[in-house]
Amino acid sequence: MNKQRIKNDLQKDLHNEIYDQTEEGIYFPRHGIIATGEYFDRVNDGEWTRTKNLITKEGLLDVLNTYFIASKAKPAGFYLALFNGSAAPASNWKANNFATVANEITSLTEGYTSATRPAFTPIQANEDTYIENLASTARVVFATASQVNVTGTALLTHSARGGTSGVLISAAKYAAARTFQNDDTFDIGYRFALA
């Protein structure tokens, strides 16, 4: 089966909602393909925790179109965003509404100190069927007069904090909020897999 045919079939299945949103990821039963992702994080060089994510419909369409359409430009970069909203990520979330629905943390004085979202810089997939940045995780440092709560992380294709352009690839809400004091560090990793 050629790439164009696979792309067309997967796009039809997405459009006709012939897929299952499972705890593991998005499963395409007619093709036996599952797309999954998970975030890794640690506070102040402590123990790593892992949180499964939701890959958005916008994100999956972008991945398919970028890979299978020769004329579709690859995004210039991928960026991690932190949020503190109470809503659980939904498949219809998009980059143009993410900052609002997730309550993205945009303050430099009551949030992390980077002017932009930290870059996600994955290593190339080889024998494994995933990409990840665990060899070079993103690190942010917090500034606060009291404390900052983070309830989740997302992966987008635009670097501007609070920005509304680009594509929202995925998002995850933590089981318990991460609480940060002034000068605390937060390392963020992400893995995206197809099986």
C-alpha atoms as a PDB file:
ATOM      1  CA  MET A   1       0.000   0.000   0.000  1.00  0.00           C
ATOM      2  CA  ASN A   2       1.448   3.371  -0.943  1.00  0.00           C
ATOM      3  CA  LYS A   3       1.778   6.422   1.296  1.00  0.00           C
ATOM      4  CA  GLN A   4      -0.949   8.385  -0.497  1.00  0.00           C
ATOM      5  CA  ARG A   5      -3.452   5.563  -0.072  1.00  0.00           C
ATOM      6  CA  ILE A   6      -2.655   5.173   3.640  1.00  0.00           C
ATOM      7  CA  LYS A   7      -2.959   8.934   4.120  1.00  0.00           C
ATOM      8  CA  ASN A   8      -6.326   9.038   2.317  1.00  0.00           C
ATOM      9  CA  ASP A   9      -7.643   6.067   4.284  1.00  0.00           C
ATOM     10  CA  LEU A  10      -6.553   7.505   7.642  1.00  0.00           C
ATOM     11  CA  GLN A  11      -7.985  10.934   6.789  1.00  0.00           C
ATOM     12  CA  LYS A  12     -11.314   9.336   5.803  1.00  0.00           C
ATOM     13  CA  ASP A  13     -11.348   7.393   9.044  1.00  0.00           C
ATOM     14  CA  LEU A  14     -10.665  10.581  11.012  1.00  0.00           C
ATOM     15  CA  HIS A  15     -13.347  12.520   9.135  1.00  0.00           C
ATOM     16  CA  ASN A  16     -15.904   9.699   9.538  1.00  0.00           C
ATOM     17  CA  GLU A  17     -14.817   9.138  13.142  1.00  0.00           C
ATOM     18  CA  ILE A  18     -13.793   5.532  12.476  1.00  0.00           C
ATOM     19  CA  TYR A  19     -11.229   5.434  15.254  1.00  0.00           C
ATOM     20  CA  ASP A  20     -11.214   4.798  18.963  1.00  0.00           C
ATOM     21  CA  GLN A  21      -9.892   7.238  21.535  1.00  0.00           C
ATOM     22  CA  THR A  22      -8.424   4.856  24.112  1.00  0.00           C
ATOM     23  CA  GLU A  23      -6.328   5.329  27.227  1.00  0.00           C
ATOM     24  CA  GLU A  24      -3.340   4.261  25.128  1.00  0.00           C
ATOM     25  CA  GLY A  25      -3.975   6.722  22.271  1.00  0.00           C
ATOM     26  CA  ILE A  26      -5.856   6.937  18.980  1.00  0.00           C
ATOM     27  CA  TYR A  27      -6.512   3.492  17.481  1.00  0.00           C
ATOM     28  CA  PHE A  28      -7.422   2.952  13.823  1.00  0.00           C
ATOM     29  CA  PRO A  29      -9.042  -0.529  13.856  1.00  0.00           C
ATOM     30  CA  ARG A  30      -9.216  -0.949  10.055  1.00  0.00           C
ATOM     31  CA  HIS A  31      -5.436  -0.492   9.835  1.00  0.00           C
ATOM     32  CA  GLY A  32      -4.222  -1.823  13.187  1.00  0.00           C
ATOM     33  CA  ILE A  33      -2.364   1.458  13.859  1.00  0.00           C
ATOM     34  CA  ILE A  34      -2.213   3.246  17.198  1.00  0.00           C
ATOM     35  CA  ALA A  35      -0.763   6.711  17.814  1.00  0.00           C
ATOM     36  CA  THR A  36       0.308   7.305  21.409  1.00  0.00           C
ATOM     37  CA  GLY A  37       2.166   9.861  23.433  1.00  0.00           C
ATOM     38  CA  GLU A  38       3.277  10.509  26.969  1.00  0.00           C
ATOM     39  CA  TYR A  39       4.930  13.272  28.943  1.00  0.00           C
ATOM     40  CA  PHE A  40       7.752  12.824  31.435  1.00  0.00           C
ATOM     41  CA  ASP A  41       8.517  15.410  34.102  1.00  0.00           C
ATOM     42  CA  ARG A  42      10.519  15.973  37.246  1.00  0.00           C
ATOM     43  CA  VAL A  43      10.780  18.757  39.787  1.00  0.00           C
ATOM     44  CA  ASN A  44      14.190  19.939  41.062  1.00  0.00           C
ATOM     45  CA  ASP A  45      16.040  16.892  39.644  1.00  0.00           C
ATOM     46  CA  GLY A  46      13.779  14.512  41.579  1.00  0.00           C
ATOM     47  CA  GLU A  47      12.121  11.320  40.356  1.00  0.00           C
ATOM     48  CA  TRP A  48      10.609  11.212  36.881  1.00  0.00           C
ATOM     49  CA  THR A  49       6.843  10.862  36.559  1.00  0.00           C
ATOM     50  CA  ARG A  50       4.974   9.787  33.428  1.00  0.00           C
ATOM     51  CA  THR A  51       1.600  11.029  32.176  1.00  0.00           C
ATOM     52  CA  LYS A  52      -0.231   9.675  29.140  1.00  0.00           C
ATOM     53  CA  ASN A  53      -1.485  12.365  26.787  1.00  0.00           C
ATOM     54  CA  LEU A  54      -4.354  13.000  24.427  1.00  0.00           C
ATOM     55  CA  ILE A  55      -3.334  13.504  20.808  1.00  0.00           C
ATOM     56  CA  THR A  56      -5.717  16.078  19.364  1.00  0.00           C
ATOM     57  CA  LYS A  57      -7.517  15.638  16.063  1.00  0.00           C
ATOM     58  CA  GLU A  58      -5.753  18.794  14.832  1.00  0.00           C
ATOM     59  CA  GLY A  59      -2.415  17.273  15.811  1.00  0.00           C
ATOM     60  CA  LEU A  60      -3.028  13.928  14.157  1.00  0.00           C
ATOM     61  CA  LEU A  61      -4.192  15.567  10.918  1.00  0.00           C
ATOM     62  CA  ASP A  62      -1.060  17.701  10.902  1.00  0.00           C
ATOM     63  CA  VAL A  63       1.191  14.665  11.443  1.00  0.00           C
ATOM     64  CA  LEU A  64      -0.517  12.799   8.582  1.00  0.00           C
ATOM     65  CA  ASN A  65      -0.460  15.751   6.201  1.00  0.00           C
ATOM     66  CA  THR A  66       3.146  16.639   6.982  1.00  0.00           C
ATOM     67  CA  TYR A  67       4.336  13.102   6.352  1.00  0.00           C
ATOM     68  CA  PHE A  68       2.158  12.092   3.410  1.00  0.00           C
ATOM     69  CA  ILE A  69       1.768  15.366   1.459  1.00  0.00           C
ATOM     70  CA  ALA A  70       5.011  16.386  -0.240  1.00  0.00           C
ATOM     71  CA  SER A  71       3.949  20.028  -0.564  1.00  0.00           C
ATOM     72  CA  LYS A  72       3.022  20.365   3.147  1.00  0.00           C
ATOM     73  CA  ALA A  73       5.847  22.145   4.942  1.00  0.00           C
ATOM     74  CA  LYS A  74       7.183  20.651   8.139  1.00  0.00           C
ATOM     75  CA  PRO A  75       6.757  22.949  11.171  1.00  0.00           C
ATOM     76  CA  ALA A  76       9.845  25.016  12.008  1.00  0.00           C
ATOM     77  CA  GLY A  77       9.810  23.610  15.528  1.00  0.00           C
ATOM     78  CA  PHE A  78       7.843  22.039  18.352  1.00  0.00           C
ATOM     79  CA  TYR A  79       7.347  23.629  21.757  1.00  0.00           C
ATOM     80  CA  LEU A  80       6.123  22.586  25.186  1.00  0.00           C
ATOM     81  CA  ALA A  81       3.544  24.681  27.021  1.00  0.00           C
ATOM     82  CA  LEU A  82       2.513  24.545  30.668  1.00  0.00           C
ATOM     83  CA  PHE A  83      -1.011  25.234  31.845  1.00  0.00           C
ATOM     84  CA  ASN A  84      -2.942  25.466  35.106  1.00  0.00           C
ATOM     85  CA  GLY A  85      -6.580  25.087  34.048  1.00  0.00           C
ATOM     86  CA  SER A  86      -8.965  22.519  35.490  1.00  0.00           C
ATOM     87  CA  ALA A  87     -10.352  21.197  32.174  1.00  0.00           C
ATOM     88  CA  ALA A  88      -9.193  17.819  30.903  1.00  0.00           C
ATOM     89  CA  PRO A  89      -7.770  17.972  27.361  1.00  0.00           C
ATOM     90  CA  ALA A  90     -10.273  17.192  24.596  1.00  0.00           C
ATOM     91  CA  SER A  91      -9.700  15.971  21.041  1.00  0.00           C
ATOM     92  CA  ASN A  92     -11.294  19.154  19.659  1.00  0.00           C
ATOM     93  CA  TRP A  93      -8.781  21.462  21.377  1.00  0.00           C
ATOM     94  CA  LYS A  94      -6.755  23.463  18.855  1.00  0.00           C
ATOM     95  CA  ALA A  95      -3.820  25.847  18.992  1.00  0.00           C
ATOM     96  CA  ASN A  96      -6.167  28.783  18.393  1.00  0.00           C
ATOM     97  CA  ASN A  97      -8.080  28.109  21.638  1.00  0.00           C
ATOM     98  CA  PHE A  98      -5.482  26.275  23.744  1.00  0.00           C
ATOM     99  CA  ALA A  99      -4.227  29.272  25.757  1.00  0.00           C
ATOM    100  CA  THR A 100      -7.789  30.066  26.836  1.00  0.00           C
ATOM    101  CA  VAL A 101      -9.309  26.610  27.433  1.00  0.00           C
ATOM    102  CA  ALA A 102      -6.218  25.259  29.219  1.00  0.00           C
ATOM    103  CA  ASN A 103      -5.299  28.523  30.968  1.00  0.00           C
ATOM    104  CA  GLU A 104      -1.730  28.508  29.642  1.00  0.00           C
ATOM    105  CA  ILE A 105       0.836  29.965  32.043  1.00  0.00           C
ATOM    106  CA  THR A 106       2.132  33.116  30.344  1.00  0.00           C
ATOM    107  CA  SER A 107       3.409  35.275  33.207  1.00  0.00           C
ATOM    108  CA  LEU A 108       7.167  35.753  33.514  1.00  0.00           C
ATOM    109  CA  THR A 109       6.845  36.863  37.157  1.00  0.00           C
ATOM    110  CA  GLU A 110       4.308  34.243  38.323  1.00  0.00           C
ATOM    111  CA  GLY A 111       5.324  31.372  36.069  1.00  0.00           C
ATOM    112  CA  TYR A 112       8.446  30.150  34.327  1.00  0.00           C
ATOM    113  CA  THR A 113      11.088  32.664  33.300  1.00  0.00           C
ATOM    114  CA  SER A 114      11.578  31.771  29.608  1.00  0.00           C
ATOM    115  CA  ALA A 115      10.210  34.383  27.207  1.00  0.00           C
ATOM    116  CA  THR A 116       8.928  31.633  24.888  1.00  0.00           C
ATOM    117  CA  ARG A 117       7.652  28.092  25.210  1.00  0.00           C
ATOM    118  CA  PRO A 118      10.614  25.717  25.670  1.00  0.00           C
ATOM    119  CA  ALA A 119      11.658  23.816  22.542  1.00  0.00           C
ATOM    120  CA  PHE A 120      10.982  20.108  22.125  1.00  0.00           C
ATOM    121  CA  THR A 121      14.116  18.706  20.464  1.00  0.00           C
ATOM    122  CA  PRO A 122      13.674  14.972  19.817  1.00  0.00           C
ATOM    123  CA  ILE A 123      16.240  12.480  18.661  1.00  0.00           C
ATOM    124  CA  GLN A 124      15.625  10.620  15.411  1.00  0.00           C
ATOM    125  CA  ALA A 125      13.720   7.331  15.577  1.00  0.00           C
ATOM    126  CA  ASN A 126      15.891   4.362  14.612  1.00  0.00           C
ATOM    127  CA  GLU A 127      15.036   0.870  15.812  1.00  0.00           C
ATOM    128  CA  ASP A 128      12.310   2.176  18.091  1.00  0.00           C
ATOM    129  CA  THR A 129       8.995   3.356  16.658  1.00  0.00           C
ATOM    130  CA  TYR A 130       8.929   6.575  18.635  1.00  0.00           C
ATOM    131  CA  ILE A 131      10.612   9.939  18.945  1.00  0.00           C
ATOM    132  CA  GLU A 132      11.437  11.586  22.265  1.00  0.00           C
ATOM    133  CA  ASN A 133      13.555  14.299  23.862  1.00  0.00           C
ATOM    134  CA  LEU A 134      14.596  12.437  27.017  1.00  0.00           C
ATOM    135  CA  ALA A 135      18.278  12.780  26.108  1.00  0.00           C
ATOM    136  CA  SER A 136      17.809  16.561  26.096  1.00  0.00           C
ATOM    137  CA  THR A 137      14.702  17.506  28.051  1.00  0.00           C
ATOM    138  CA  ALA A 138      13.358  21.029  28.225  1.00  0.00           C
ATOM    139  CA  ARG A 139      14.078  22.781  31.541  1.00  0.00           C
ATOM    140  CA  VAL A 140      12.255  25.797  32.916  1.00  0.00           C
ATOM    141  CA  VAL A 141      12.930  27.824  36.066  1.00  0.00           C
ATOM    142  CA  PHE A 142      10.053  29.331  38.027  1.00  0.00           C
ATOM    143  CA  ALA A 143       9.698  32.849  39.367  1.00  0.00           C
ATOM    144  CA  THR A 144       7.000  33.543  41.940  1.00  0.00           C
ATOM    145  CA  ALA A 145       6.317  35.597  45.042  1.00  0.00           C
ATOM    146  CA  SER A 146       4.383  32.649  46.510  1.00  0.00           C
ATOM    147  CA  GLN A 147       3.767  29.520  44.418  1.00  0.00           C
ATOM    148  CA  VAL A 148       2.747  28.433  40.916  1.00  0.00           C
ATOM    149  CA  ASN A 149       0.566  25.400  40.215  1.00  0.00           C
ATOM    150  CA  VAL A 150       0.920  23.493  36.937  1.00  0.00           C
ATOM    151  CA  THR A 151      -1.876  21.086  36.010  1.00  0.00           C
ATOM    152  CA  GLY A 152      -0.621  19.920  32.612  1.00  0.00           C
ATOM    153  CA  THR A 153       1.624  20.116  29.576  1.00  0.00           C
ATOM    154  CA  ALA A 154       1.030  20.421  25.832  1.00  0.00           C
ATOM    155  CA  LEU A 155       3.022  20.175  22.597  1.00  0.00           C
ATOM    156  CA  LEU A 156       2.489  22.878  19.960  1.00  0.00           C
ATOM    157  CA  THR A 157       4.160  24.088  16.759  1.00  0.00           C
ATOM    158  CA  HIS A 158       4.389  27.759  17.773  1.00  0.00           C
ATOM    159  CA  SER A 159       6.803  29.209  20.333  1.00  0.00           C
ATOM    160  CA  ALA A 160       4.819  32.231  21.573  1.00  0.00           C
ATOM    161  CA  ARG A 161       3.446  31.830  25.074  1.00  0.00           C
ATOM    162  CA  GLY A 162      -0.297  32.391  24.857  1.00  0.00           C
ATOM    163  CA  GLY A 163      -0.072  32.310  21.041  1.00  0.00           C
ATOM    164  CA  THR A 164      -3.019  31.213  18.916  1.00  0.00           C
ATOM    165  CA  SER A 165      -1.310  30.113  15.699  1.00  0.00           C
ATOM    166  CA  GLY A 166       0.283  26.804  14.800  1.00  0.00           C
ATOM    167  CA  VAL A 167      -0.998  23.347  15.710  1.00  0.00           C
ATOM    168  CA  LEU A 168      -1.740  21.746  19.077  1.00  0.00           C
ATOM    169  CA  ILE A 169      -0.326  18.226  18.753  1.00  0.00           C
ATOM    170  CA  SER A 170      -1.174  16.869  22.201  1.00  0.00           C
ATOM    171  CA  ALA A 171      -1.973  17.749  25.792  1.00  0.00           C
ATOM    172  CA  ALA A 172      -2.012  15.983  29.149  1.00  0.00           C
ATOM    173  CA  LYS A 173      -3.504  16.892  32.499  1.00  0.00           C
ATOM    174  CA  TYR A 174      -1.610  15.623  35.531  1.00  0.00           C
ATOM    175  CA  ALA A 175      -3.350  13.434  38.100  1.00  0.00           C
ATOM    176  CA  ALA A 176      -2.105  15.920  40.721  1.00  0.00           C
ATOM    177  CA  ALA A 177      -0.954  19.497  40.167  1.00  0.00           C
ATOM    178  CA  ARG A 178       2.755  20.248  40.362  1.00  0.00           C
ATOM    179  CA  THR A 179       3.451  23.098  42.813  1.00  0.00           C
ATOM    180  CA  PHE A 180       6.513  25.311  42.360  1.00  0.00           C
ATOM    181  CA  GLN A 181       8.305  27.819  44.566  1.00  0.00           C
ATOM    182  CA  ASN A 182      10.648  30.572  43.396  1.00  0.00           C
ATOM    183  CA  ASP A 183      13.737  29.177  41.571  1.00  0.00           C
ATOM    184  CA  ASP A 184      12.342  25.628  41.328  1.00  0.00           C
ATOM    185  CA  THR A 185      13.256  23.782  38.132  1.00  0.00           C
ATOM    186  CA  PHE A 186      10.999  21.616  35.980  1.00  0.00           C
ATOM    187  CA  ASP A 187      12.296  19.185  33.352  1.00  0.00           C
ATOM    188  CA  ILE A 188       9.835  18.165  30.634  1.00  0.00           C
ATOM    189  CA  GLY A 189      10.118  15.266  28.206  1.00  0.00           C
ATOM    190  CA  TYR A 190       7.764  13.895  25.566  1.00  0.00           C
ATOM    191  CA  ARG A 191       7.507  10.663  23.560  1.00  0.00           C
ATOM    192  CA  PHE A 192       5.342  10.173  20.433  1.00  0.00           C
ATOM    193  CA  ALA A 193       4.910   6.650  19.047  1.00  0.00           C
ATOM    194  CA  LEU A 194       3.187   4.821  16.198  1.00  0.00           C
ATOM    195  CA  ALA A 195       2.603   1.094  16.454  1.00  0.00           C
END
